[in-house]
Amino acid sequence: MDKFLHEHPTTPRTKNEKQAVINRLKRIEGQVRGIQKMVEEDRYCVDILVQISAIQSALKNVGFAVTERHINHCVSDAVRQGEGKETIEELMEVLKQFSK
């Protein structure tokens, strides 16, 4: 797929939804800075790897939350409007990237 079907969600995110995702991403950003500091301080490799694993897990959870919202709003709206096949294909292409 060269281009996404939409630039914005069909149902705009609420202020609370946006803030929840932003808060999670800020927490992850802090964790990344923490790992940078650990490397600078020449900390034990296993401790660094544990923190990297925690960040990967946190990012996956953000991705799952965004995916869930996408399915509940964008995909279901597209199905109701007769655009389900294209929207599901688009989602599947993106989900394949998660399994890499």
PDB file of N, CA and C in Angstrom:
ATOM      1  N   MET A   1       0.829  -1.174   0.000  1.00  0.00           N
ATOM      2  CA  MET A   1       0.000   0.000   0.000  1.00  0.00           C
ATOM      3  C   MET A   1       0.881   1.248   0.000  1.00  0.00           C
ATOM      4  N   ASP A   2       0.710   2.082  -0.984  1.00  0.00           N
ATOM      5  CA  ASP A   2       1.538   3.274  -1.107  1.00  0.00           C
ATOM      6  C   ASP A   2       1.060   4.406  -0.210  1.00  0.00           C
ATOM      7  N   LYS A   3      -0.219   4.418   0.087  1.00  0.00           N
ATOM      8  CA  LYS A   3      -0.804   5.556   0.776  1.00  0.00           C
ATOM      9  C   LYS A   3      -1.924   5.054   1.681  1.00  0.00           C
ATOM     10  N   PHE A   4      -2.110   5.709   2.806  1.00  0.00           N
ATOM     11  CA  PHE A   4      -3.182   5.311   3.705  1.00  0.00           C
ATOM     12  C   PHE A   4      -4.512   5.842   3.195  1.00  0.00           C
ATOM     13  N   LEU A   5      -5.586   5.196   3.600  1.00  0.00           N
ATOM     14  CA  LEU A   5      -6.912   5.588   3.131  1.00  0.00           C
ATOM     15  C   LEU A   5      -7.352   6.940   3.688  1.00  0.00           C
ATOM     16  N   HIS A   6      -6.915   7.268   4.902  1.00  0.00           N
ATOM     17  CA  HIS A   6      -7.347   8.509   5.555  1.00  0.00           C
ATOM     18  C   HIS A   6      -6.153   9.168   6.241  1.00  0.00           C
ATOM     19  N   GLU A   7      -6.231  10.467   6.419  1.00  0.00           N
ATOM     20  CA  GLU A   7      -5.190  11.181   7.143  1.00  0.00           C
ATOM     21  C   GLU A   7      -5.547  11.352   8.616  1.00  0.00           C
ATOM     22  N   HIS A   8      -6.831  11.295   8.929  1.00  0.00           N
ATOM     23  CA  HIS A   8      -7.310  11.500  10.295  1.00  0.00           C
ATOM     24  C   HIS A   8      -8.326  10.412  10.623  1.00  0.00           C
ATOM     25  N   PRO A   9      -8.510  10.113  11.910  1.00  0.00           N
ATOM     26  CA  PRO A   9      -9.527   9.115  12.274  1.00  0.00           C
ATOM     27  C   PRO A   9     -10.921   9.606  11.883  1.00  0.00           C
ATOM     28  N   THR A  10     -11.799   8.647  11.555  1.00  0.00           N
ATOM     29  CA  THR A  10     -13.157   9.034  11.185  1.00  0.00           C
ATOM     30  C   THR A  10     -13.913   9.608  12.378  1.00  0.00           C
ATOM     31  N   THR A  11     -13.588   9.142  13.565  1.00  0.00           N
ATOM     32  CA  THR A  11     -14.147   9.692  14.800  1.00  0.00           C
ATOM     33  C   THR A  11     -12.979  10.297  15.574  1.00  0.00           C
ATOM     34  N   PRO A  12     -12.943  11.613  15.697  1.00  0.00           N
ATOM     35  CA  PRO A  12     -11.797  12.229  16.391  1.00  0.00           C
ATOM     36  C   PRO A  12     -11.622  11.682  17.804  1.00  0.00           C
ATOM     37  N   ARG A  13     -10.366  11.579  18.231  1.00  0.00           N
ATOM     38  CA  ARG A  13     -10.070  11.117  19.585  1.00  0.00           C
ATOM     39  C   ARG A  13     -10.551  12.157  20.592  1.00  0.00           C
ATOM     40  N   THR A  14     -11.028  11.677  21.714  1.00  0.00           N
ATOM     41  CA  THR A  14     -11.433  12.603  22.771  1.00  0.00           C
ATOM     42  C   THR A  14     -10.186  13.178  23.424  1.00  0.00           C
ATOM     43  N   LYS A  15     -10.369  14.231  24.164  1.00  0.00           N
ATOM     44  CA  LYS A  15      -9.252  14.841  24.890  1.00  0.00           C
ATOM     45  C   LYS A  15      -8.614  13.822  25.829  1.00  0.00           C
ATOM     46  N   ASN A  16      -9.439  13.035  26.525  1.00  0.00           N
ATOM     47  CA  ASN A  16      -8.925  12.018  27.450  1.00  0.00           C
ATOM     48  C   ASN A  16      -8.161  10.919  26.726  1.00  0.00           C
ATOM     49  N   GLU A  17      -8.651  10.502  25.555  1.00  0.00           N
ATOM     50  CA  GLU A  17      -7.949   9.478  24.778  1.00  0.00           C
ATOM     51  C   GLU A  17      -6.575   9.979  24.349  1.00  0.00           C
ATOM     52  N   LYS A  18      -6.539  11.203  23.836  1.00  0.00           N
ATOM     53  CA  LYS A  18      -5.261  11.787  23.424  1.00  0.00           C
ATOM     54  C   LYS A  18      -4.304  11.864  24.604  1.00  0.00           C
ATOM     55  N   GLN A  19      -4.805  12.346  25.731  1.00  0.00           N
ATOM     56  CA  GLN A  19      -3.942  12.538  26.894  1.00  0.00           C
ATOM     57  C   GLN A  19      -3.397  11.215  27.415  1.00  0.00           C
ATOM     58  N   ALA A  20      -4.214  10.171  27.381  1.00  0.00           N
ATOM     59  CA  ALA A  20      -3.757   8.857  27.854  1.00  0.00           C
ATOM     60  C   ALA A  20      -2.600   8.346  26.998  1.00  0.00           C
ATOM     61  N   VAL A  21      -2.712   8.490  25.676  1.00  0.00           N
ATOM     62  CA  VAL A  21      -1.640   8.031  24.786  1.00  0.00           C
ATOM     63  C   VAL A  21      -0.402   8.903  24.965  1.00  0.00           C
ATOM     64  N   ILE A  22      -0.598  10.207  25.045  1.00  0.00           N
ATOM     65  CA  ILE A  22       0.525  11.128  25.236  1.00  0.00           C
ATOM     66  C   ILE A  22       1.255  10.823  26.543  1.00  0.00           C
ATOM     67  N   ASN A  23       0.503  10.574  27.604  1.00  0.00           N
ATOM     68  CA  ASN A  23       1.125  10.256  28.901  1.00  0.00           C
ATOM     69  C   ASN A  23       1.966   8.988  28.812  1.00  0.00           C
ATOM     70  N   ARG A  24       1.439   7.972  28.142  1.00  0.00           N
ATOM     71  CA  ARG A  24       2.195   6.726  27.981  1.00  0.00           C
ATOM     72  C   ARG A  24       3.480   6.979  27.197  1.00  0.00           C
ATOM     73  N   LEU A  25       3.376   7.773  26.132  1.00  0.00           N
ATOM     74  CA  LEU A  25       4.556   8.048  25.304  1.00  0.00           C
ATOM     75  C   LEU A  25       5.591   8.871  26.063  1.00  0.00           C
ATOM     76  N   LYS A  26       5.138   9.789  26.890  1.00  0.00           N
ATOM     77  CA  LYS A  26       6.081  10.577  27.704  1.00  0.00           C
ATOM     78  C   LYS A  26       6.800   9.685  28.703  1.00  0.00           C
ATOM     79  N   ARG A  27       6.074   8.724  29.275  1.00  0.00           N
ATOM     80  CA  ARG A  27       6.686   7.776  30.202  1.00  0.00           C
ATOM     81  C   ARG A  27       7.763   6.959  29.478  1.00  0.00           C
ATOM     82  N   ILE A  28       7.459   6.529  28.263  1.00  0.00           N
ATOM     83  CA  ILE A  28       8.421   5.772  27.461  1.00  0.00           C
ATOM     84  C   ILE A  28       9.631   6.642  27.137  1.00  0.00           C
ATOM     85  N   GLU A  29       9.377   7.885  26.801  1.00  0.00           N
ATOM     86  CA  GLU A  29      10.464   8.820  26.516  1.00  0.00           C
ATOM     87  C   GLU A  29      11.406   8.939  27.722  1.00  0.00           C
ATOM     88  N   GLY A  30      10.831   9.005  28.906  1.00  0.00           N
ATOM     89  CA  GLY A  30      11.637   9.049  30.127  1.00  0.00           C
ATOM     90  C   GLY A  30      12.455   7.781  30.315  1.00  0.00           C
ATOM     91  N   GLN A  31      11.857   6.638  29.966  1.00  0.00           N
ATOM     92  CA  GLN A  31      12.581   5.370  30.073  1.00  0.00           C
ATOM     93  C   GLN A  31      13.767   5.340  29.106  1.00  0.00           C
ATOM     94  N   VAL A  32      13.568   5.879  27.907  1.00  0.00           N
ATOM     95  CA  VAL A  32      14.660   5.910  26.929  1.00  0.00           C
ATOM     96  C   VAL A  32      15.795   6.787  27.445  1.00  0.00           C
ATOM     97  N   ARG A  33      15.447   7.927  28.016  1.00  0.00           N
ATOM     98  CA  ARG A  33      16.484   8.793  28.599  1.00  0.00           C
ATOM     99  C   ARG A  33      17.217   8.069  29.721  1.00  0.00           C
ATOM    100  N   GLY A  34      16.481   7.281  30.488  1.00  0.00           N
ATOM    101  CA  GLY A  34      17.096   6.505  31.558  1.00  0.00           C
ATOM    102  C   GLY A  34      18.105   5.495  31.028  1.00  0.00           C
ATOM    103  N   ILE A  35      17.777   4.869  29.912  1.00  0.00           N
ATOM    104  CA  ILE A  35      18.711   3.917  29.307  1.00  0.00           C
ATOM    105  C   ILE A  35      19.946   4.652  28.788  1.00  0.00           C
ATOM    106  N   GLN A  36      19.751   5.812  28.203  1.00  0.00           N
ATOM    107  CA  GLN A  36      20.896   6.595  27.739  1.00  0.00           C
ATOM    108  C   GLN A  36      21.842   6.881  28.905  1.00  0.00           C
ATOM    109  N   LYS A  37      21.264   7.241  30.035  1.00  0.00           N
ATOM    110  CA  LYS A  37      22.077   7.528  31.219  1.00  0.00           C
ATOM    111  C   LYS A  37      22.794   6.267  31.699  1.00  0.00           C
ATOM    112  N   MET A  38      22.090   5.137  31.649  1.00  0.00           N
ATOM    113  CA  MET A  38      22.699   3.875  32.060  1.00  0.00           C
ATOM    114  C   MET A  38      23.922   3.555  31.188  1.00  0.00           C
ATOM    115  N   VAL A  39      23.805   3.798  29.889  1.00  0.00           N
ATOM    116  CA  VAL A  39      24.927   3.551  28.981  1.00  0.00           C
ATOM    117  C   VAL A  39      26.071   4.507  29.311  1.00  0.00           C
ATOM    118  N   GLU A  40      25.729   5.775  29.514  1.00  0.00           N
ATOM    119  CA  GLU A  40      26.757   6.766  29.863  1.00  0.00           C
ATOM    120  C   GLU A  40      27.491   6.379  31.146  1.00  0.00           C
ATOM    121  N   GLU A  41      26.761   5.792  32.085  1.00  0.00           N
ATOM    122  CA  GLU A  41      27.344   5.395  33.367  1.00  0.00           C
ATOM    123  C   GLU A  41      27.977   4.007  33.310  1.00  0.00           C
ATOM    124  N   ASP A  42      27.967   3.416  32.124  1.00  0.00           N
ATOM    125  CA  ASP A  42      28.554   2.093  31.909  1.00  0.00           C
ATOM    126  C   ASP A  42      27.948   1.039  32.836  1.00  0.00           C
ATOM    127  N   ARG A  43      26.603   1.057  32.914  1.00  0.00           N
ATOM    128  CA  ARG A  43      25.893   0.104  33.770  1.00  0.00           C
ATOM    129  C   ARG A  43      25.946  -1.303  33.187  1.00  0.00           C
ATOM    130  N   TYR A  44      25.612  -2.264  34.008  1.00  0.00           N
ATOM    131  CA  TYR A  44      25.630  -3.681  33.654  1.00  0.00           C
ATOM    132  C   TYR A  44      24.693  -3.938  32.468  1.00  0.00           C
ATOM    133  N   CYS A  45      25.195  -4.683  31.488  1.00  0.00           N
ATOM    134  CA  CYS A  45      24.457  -4.935  30.245  1.00  0.00           C
ATOM    135  C   CYS A  45      23.065  -5.517  30.477  1.00  0.00           C
ATOM    136  N   VAL A  46      22.969  -6.470  31.380  1.00  0.00           N
ATOM    137  CA  VAL A  46      21.683  -7.122  31.632  1.00  0.00           C
ATOM    138  C   VAL A  46      20.663  -6.108  32.158  1.00  0.00           C
ATOM    139  N   ASP A  47      21.094  -5.186  33.009  1.00  0.00           N
ATOM    140  CA  ASP A  47      20.182  -4.148  33.503  1.00  0.00           C
ATOM    141  C   ASP A  47      19.666  -3.291  32.349  1.00  0.00           C
ATOM    142  N   ILE A  48      20.545  -2.975  31.420  1.00  0.00           N
ATOM    143  CA  ILE A  48      20.148  -2.182  30.245  1.00  0.00           C
ATOM    144  C   ILE A  48      19.165  -2.977  29.388  1.00  0.00           C
ATOM    145  N   LEU A  49      19.467  -4.246  29.180  1.00  0.00           N
ATOM    146  CA  LEU A  49      18.580  -5.091  28.368  1.00  0.00           C
ATOM    147  C   LEU A  49      17.190  -5.228  28.987  1.00  0.00           C
ATOM    148  N   VAL A  50      17.128  -5.326  30.301  1.00  0.00           N
ATOM    149  CA  VAL A  50      15.827  -5.407  30.984  1.00  0.00           C
ATOM    150  C   VAL A  50      15.020  -4.136  30.718  1.00  0.00           C
ATOM    151  N   GLN A  51      15.683  -2.999  30.765  1.00  0.00           N
ATOM    152  CA  GLN A  51      14.989  -1.728  30.514  1.00  0.00           C
ATOM    153  C   GLN A  51      14.552  -1.609  29.057  1.00  0.00           C
ATOM    154  N   ILE A  52      15.376  -2.085  28.138  1.00  0.00           N
ATOM    155  CA  ILE A  52      14.996  -2.087  26.719  1.00  0.00           C
ATOM    156  C   ILE A  52      13.751  -2.948  26.518  1.00  0.00           C
ATOM    157  N   SER A  53      13.723  -4.098  27.161  1.00  0.00           N
ATOM    158  CA  SER A  53      12.561  -4.985  27.066  1.00  0.00           C
ATOM    159  C   SER A  53      11.304  -4.299  27.598  1.00  0.00           C
ATOM    160  N   ALA A  54      11.446  -3.561  28.694  1.00  0.00           N
ATOM    161  CA  ALA A  54      10.301  -2.846  29.274  1.00  0.00           C
ATOM    162  C   ALA A  54       9.775  -1.795  28.302  1.00  0.00           C
ATOM    163  N   ILE A  55      10.680  -1.106  27.622  1.00  0.00           N
ATOM    164  CA  ILE A  55      10.266  -0.091  26.645  1.00  0.00           C
ATOM    165  C   ILE A  55       9.555  -0.740  25.465  1.00  0.00           C
ATOM    166  N   GLN A  56      10.090  -1.845  24.983  1.00  0.00           N
ATOM    167  CA  GLN A  56       9.441  -2.542  23.873  1.00  0.00           C
ATOM    168  C   GLN A  56       8.027  -2.963  24.250  1.00  0.00           C
ATOM    169  N   SER A  57       7.869  -3.466  25.448  1.00  0.00           N
ATOM    170  CA  SER A  57       6.554  -3.877  25.926  1.00  0.00           C
ATOM    171  C   SER A  57       5.612  -2.677  26.030  1.00  0.00           C
ATOM    172  N   ALA A  58       6.115  -1.579  26.559  1.00  0.00           N
ATOM    173  CA  ALA A  58       5.293  -0.376  26.696  1.00  0.00           C
ATOM    174  C   ALA A  58       4.853   0.151  25.330  1.00  0.00           C
ATOM    175  N   LEU A  59       5.763   0.143  24.363  1.00  0.00           N
ATOM    176  CA  LEU A  59       5.410   0.597  23.012  1.00  0.00           C
ATOM    177  C   LEU A  59       4.366  -0.324  22.379  1.00  0.00           C
ATOM    178  N   LYS A  60       4.523  -1.629  22.584  1.00  0.00           N
ATOM    179  CA  LYS A  60       3.523  -2.564  22.053  1.00  0.00           C
ATOM    180  C   LYS A  60       2.156  -2.274  22.656  1.00  0.00           C
ATOM    181  N   ASN A  61       2.116  -1.987  23.952  1.00  0.00           N
ATOM    182  CA  ASN A  61       0.839  -1.693  24.599  1.00  0.00           C
ATOM    183  C   ASN A  61       0.208  -0.416  24.052  1.00  0.00           C
ATOM    184  N   VAL A  62       1.015   0.583  23.758  1.00  0.00           N
ATOM    185  CA  VAL A  62       0.482   1.798  23.118  1.00  0.00           C
ATOM    186  C   VAL A  62      -0.076   1.428  21.746  1.00  0.00           C
ATOM    187  N   GLY A  63       0.671   0.629  21.014  1.00  0.00           N
ATOM    188  CA  GLY A  63       0.201   0.187  19.701  1.00  0.00           C
ATOM    189  C   GLY A  63      -1.100  -0.587  19.772  1.00  0.00           C
ATOM    190  N   PHE A  64      -1.222  -1.456  20.761  1.00  0.00           N
ATOM    191  CA  PHE A  64      -2.466  -2.217  20.919  1.00  0.00           C
ATOM    192  C   PHE A  64      -3.634  -1.295  21.256  1.00  0.00           C
ATOM    193  N   ALA A  65      -3.403  -0.304  22.091  1.00  0.00           N
ATOM    194  CA  ALA A  65      -4.462   0.645  22.447  1.00  0.00           C
ATOM    195  C   ALA A  65      -4.916   1.436  21.222  1.00  0.00           C
ATOM    196  N   VAL A  66      -3.959   1.890  20.421  1.00  0.00           N
ATOM    197  CA  VAL A  66      -4.301   2.632  19.198  1.00  0.00           C
ATOM    198  C   VAL A  66      -5.020   1.705  18.215  1.00  0.00           C
ATOM    199  N   THR A  67      -4.564   0.474  18.108  1.00  0.00           N
ATOM    200  CA  THR A  67      -5.204  -0.497  17.214  1.00  0.00           C
ATOM    201  C   THR A  67      -6.634  -0.777  17.648  1.00  0.00           C
ATOM    202  N   GLU A  68      -6.831  -0.963  18.939  1.00  0.00           N
ATOM    203  CA  GLU A  68      -8.186  -1.235  19.447  1.00  0.00           C
ATOM    204  C   GLU A  68      -9.133  -0.096  19.112  1.00  0.00           C
ATOM    205  N   ARG A  69      -8.669   1.130  19.319  1.00  0.00           N
ATOM    206  CA  ARG A  69      -9.502   2.283  19.010  1.00  0.00           C
ATOM    207  C   ARG A  69      -9.778   2.355  17.513  1.00  0.00           C
ATOM    208  N   HIS A  70      -8.766   2.070  16.712  1.00  0.00           N
ATOM    209  CA  HIS A  70      -8.916   2.093  15.257  1.00  0.00           C
ATOM    210  C   HIS A  70      -9.986   1.090  14.815  1.00  0.00           C
ATOM    211  N   ILE A  71      -9.939  -0.112  15.376  1.00  0.00           N
ATOM    212  CA  ILE A  71     -10.925  -1.130  15.012  1.00  0.00           C
ATOM    213  C   ILE A  71     -12.328  -0.707  15.447  1.00  0.00           C
ATOM    214  N   ASN A  72     -12.441  -0.210  16.682  1.00  0.00           N
ATOM    215  CA  ASN A  72     -13.756   0.153  17.214  1.00  0.00           C
ATOM    216  C   ASN A  72     -14.385   1.354  16.523  1.00  0.00           C
ATOM    217  N   HIS A  73     -13.576   2.217  15.949  1.00  0.00           N
ATOM    218  CA  HIS A  73     -14.121   3.417  15.314  1.00  0.00           C
ATOM    219  C   HIS A  73     -13.905   3.411  13.804  1.00  0.00           C
ATOM    220  N   CYS A  74     -12.670   3.525  13.375  1.00  0.00           N
ATOM    221  CA  CYS A  74     -12.365   3.684  11.948  1.00  0.00           C
ATOM    222  C   CYS A  74     -12.780   2.475  11.115  1.00  0.00           C
ATOM    223  N   VAL A  75     -12.401   1.283  11.575  1.00  0.00           N
ATOM    224  CA  VAL A  75     -12.719   0.085  10.796  1.00  0.00           C
ATOM    225  C   VAL A  75     -14.225  -0.177  10.809  1.00  0.00           C
ATOM    226  N   SER A  76     -14.839  -0.101  11.978  1.00  0.00           N
ATOM    227  CA  SER A  76     -16.287  -0.373  12.031  1.00  0.00           C
ATOM    228  C   SER A  76     -17.071   0.664  11.219  1.00  0.00           C
ATOM    229  N   ASP A  77     -16.633   1.925  11.242  1.00  0.00           N
ATOM    230  CA  ASP A  77     -17.287   2.953  10.407  1.00  0.00           C
ATOM    231  C   ASP A  77     -17.133   2.620   8.928  1.00  0.00           C
ATOM    232  N   ALA A  78     -15.932   2.189   8.540  1.00  0.00           N
ATOM    233  CA  ALA A  78     -15.684   1.846   7.139  1.00  0.00           C
ATOM    234  C   ALA A  78     -16.544   0.667   6.695  1.00  0.00           C
ATOM    235  N   VAL A  79     -16.693  -0.323   7.561  1.00  0.00           N
ATOM    236  CA  VAL A  79     -17.523  -1.485   7.228  1.00  0.00           C
ATOM    237  C   VAL A  79     -18.966  -1.030   6.998  1.00  0.00           C
ATOM    238  N   ARG A  80     -19.459  -0.179   7.884  1.00  0.00           N
ATOM    239  CA  ARG A  80     -20.835   0.327   7.729  1.00  0.00           C
ATOM    240  C   ARG A  80     -21.009   1.131   6.434  1.00  0.00           C
ATOM    241  N   GLN A  81     -19.935   1.776   5.980  1.00  0.00           N
ATOM    242  CA  GLN A  81     -20.013   2.604   4.768  1.00  0.00           C
ATOM    243  C   GLN A  81     -19.629   1.839   3.498  1.00  0.00           C
ATOM    244  N   GLY A  82     -19.412   0.531   3.632  1.00  0.00           N
ATOM    245  CA  GLY A  82     -19.082  -0.281   2.479  1.00  0.00           C
ATOM    246  C   GLY A  82     -17.618  -0.223   2.068  1.00  0.00           C
ATOM    247  N   GLU A  83     -16.749   0.314   2.915  1.00  0.00           N
ATOM    248  CA  GLU A  83     -15.319   0.402   2.618  1.00  0.00           C
ATOM    249  C   GLU A  83     -14.508  -0.552   3.503  1.00  0.00           C
ATOM    250  N   GLY A  84     -15.161  -1.565   4.039  1.00  0.00           N
ATOM    251  CA  GLY A  84     -14.518  -2.460   4.987  1.00  0.00           C
ATOM    252  C   GLY A  84     -13.340  -3.216   4.430  1.00  0.00           C
ATOM    253  N   LYS A  85     -13.471  -3.731   3.211  1.00  0.00           N
ATOM    254  CA  LYS A  85     -12.402  -4.542   2.628  1.00  0.00           C
ATOM    255  C   LYS A  85     -11.099  -3.751   2.563  1.00  0.00           C
ATOM    256  N   GLU A  86     -11.141  -2.544   2.033  1.00  0.00           N
ATOM    257  CA  GLU A  86      -9.944  -1.722   1.895  1.00  0.00           C
ATOM    258  C   GLU A  86      -9.354  -1.361   3.255  1.00  0.00           C
ATOM    259  N   THR A  87     -10.205  -1.026   4.196  1.00  0.00           N
ATOM    260  CA  THR A  87      -9.745  -0.622   5.520  1.00  0.00           C
ATOM    261  C   THR A  87      -9.123  -1.796   6.274  1.00  0.00           C
ATOM    262  N   ILE A  88      -9.712  -2.962   6.144  1.00  0.00           N
ATOM    263  CA  ILE A  88      -9.158  -4.154   6.786  1.00  0.00           C
ATOM    264  C   ILE A  88      -7.820  -4.521   6.152  1.00  0.00           C
ATOM    265  N   GLU A  89      -7.719  -4.415   4.833  1.00  0.00           N
ATOM    266  CA  GLU A  89      -6.441  -4.682   4.159  1.00  0.00           C
ATOM    267  C   GLU A  89      -5.366  -3.716   4.652  1.00  0.00           C
ATOM    268  N   GLU A  90      -5.731  -2.454   4.790  1.00  0.00           N
ATOM    269  CA  GLU A  90      -4.793  -1.450   5.285  1.00  0.00           C
ATOM    270  C   GLU A  90      -4.326  -1.806   6.697  1.00  0.00           C
ATOM    271  N   LEU A  91      -5.256  -2.171   7.558  1.00  0.00           N
ATOM    272  CA  LEU A  91      -4.924  -2.534   8.930  1.00  0.00           C
ATOM    273  C   LEU A  91      -4.023  -3.770   8.964  1.00  0.00           C
ATOM    274  N   MET A  92      -4.318  -4.757   8.159  1.00  0.00           N
ATOM    275  CA  MET A  92      -3.515  -5.980   8.148  1.00  0.00           C
ATOM    276  C   MET A  92      -2.078  -5.694   7.713  1.00  0.00           C
ATOM    277  N   GLU A  93      -1.896  -4.797   6.768  1.00  0.00           N
ATOM    278  CA  GLU A  93      -0.539  -4.440   6.334  1.00  0.00           C
ATOM    279  C   GLU A  93       0.246  -3.817   7.497  1.00  0.00           C
ATOM    280  N   VAL A  94      -0.409  -2.958   8.254  1.00  0.00           N
ATOM    281  CA  VAL A  94       0.251  -2.325   9.388  1.00  0.00           C
ATOM    282  C   VAL A  94       0.524  -3.353  10.490  1.00  0.00           C
ATOM    283  N   LEU A  95      -0.436  -4.243  10.748  1.00  0.00           N
ATOM    284  CA  LEU A  95      -0.248  -5.245  11.803  1.00  0.00           C
ATOM    285  C   LEU A  95       0.889  -6.215  11.478  1.00  0.00           C
ATOM    286  N   LYS A  96       1.129  -6.457  10.219  1.00  0.00           N
ATOM    287  CA  LYS A  96       2.248  -7.323   9.823  1.00  0.00           C
ATOM    288  C   LYS A  96       3.570  -6.727  10.305  1.00  0.00           C
ATOM    289  N   GLN A  97       3.659  -5.419  10.335  1.00  0.00           N
ATOM    290  CA  GLN A  97       4.882  -4.756  10.803  1.00  0.00           C
ATOM    291  C   GLN A  97       5.105  -5.001  12.294  1.00  0.00           C
ATOM    292  N   PHE A  98       4.040  -5.169  13.065  1.00  0.00           N
ATOM    293  CA  PHE A  98       4.155  -5.437  14.485  1.00  0.00           C
ATOM    294  C   PHE A  98       4.800  -6.786  14.774  1.00  0.00           C
ATOM    295  N   SER A  99       4.659  -7.730  13.847  1.00  0.00           N
ATOM    296  CA  SER A  99       5.180  -9.069  14.096  1.00  0.00           C
ATOM    297  C   SER A  99       6.640  -9.218  13.651  1.00  0.00           C
ATOM    298  N   LYS A 100       7.220  -8.181  13.116  1.00  0.00           N
ATOM    299  CA  LYS A 100       8.621  -8.255  12.665  1.00  0.00           C
ATOM    300  C   LYS A 100       9.554  -8.148  13.824  1.00  0.00           C
TER     301      LYS A 100
END
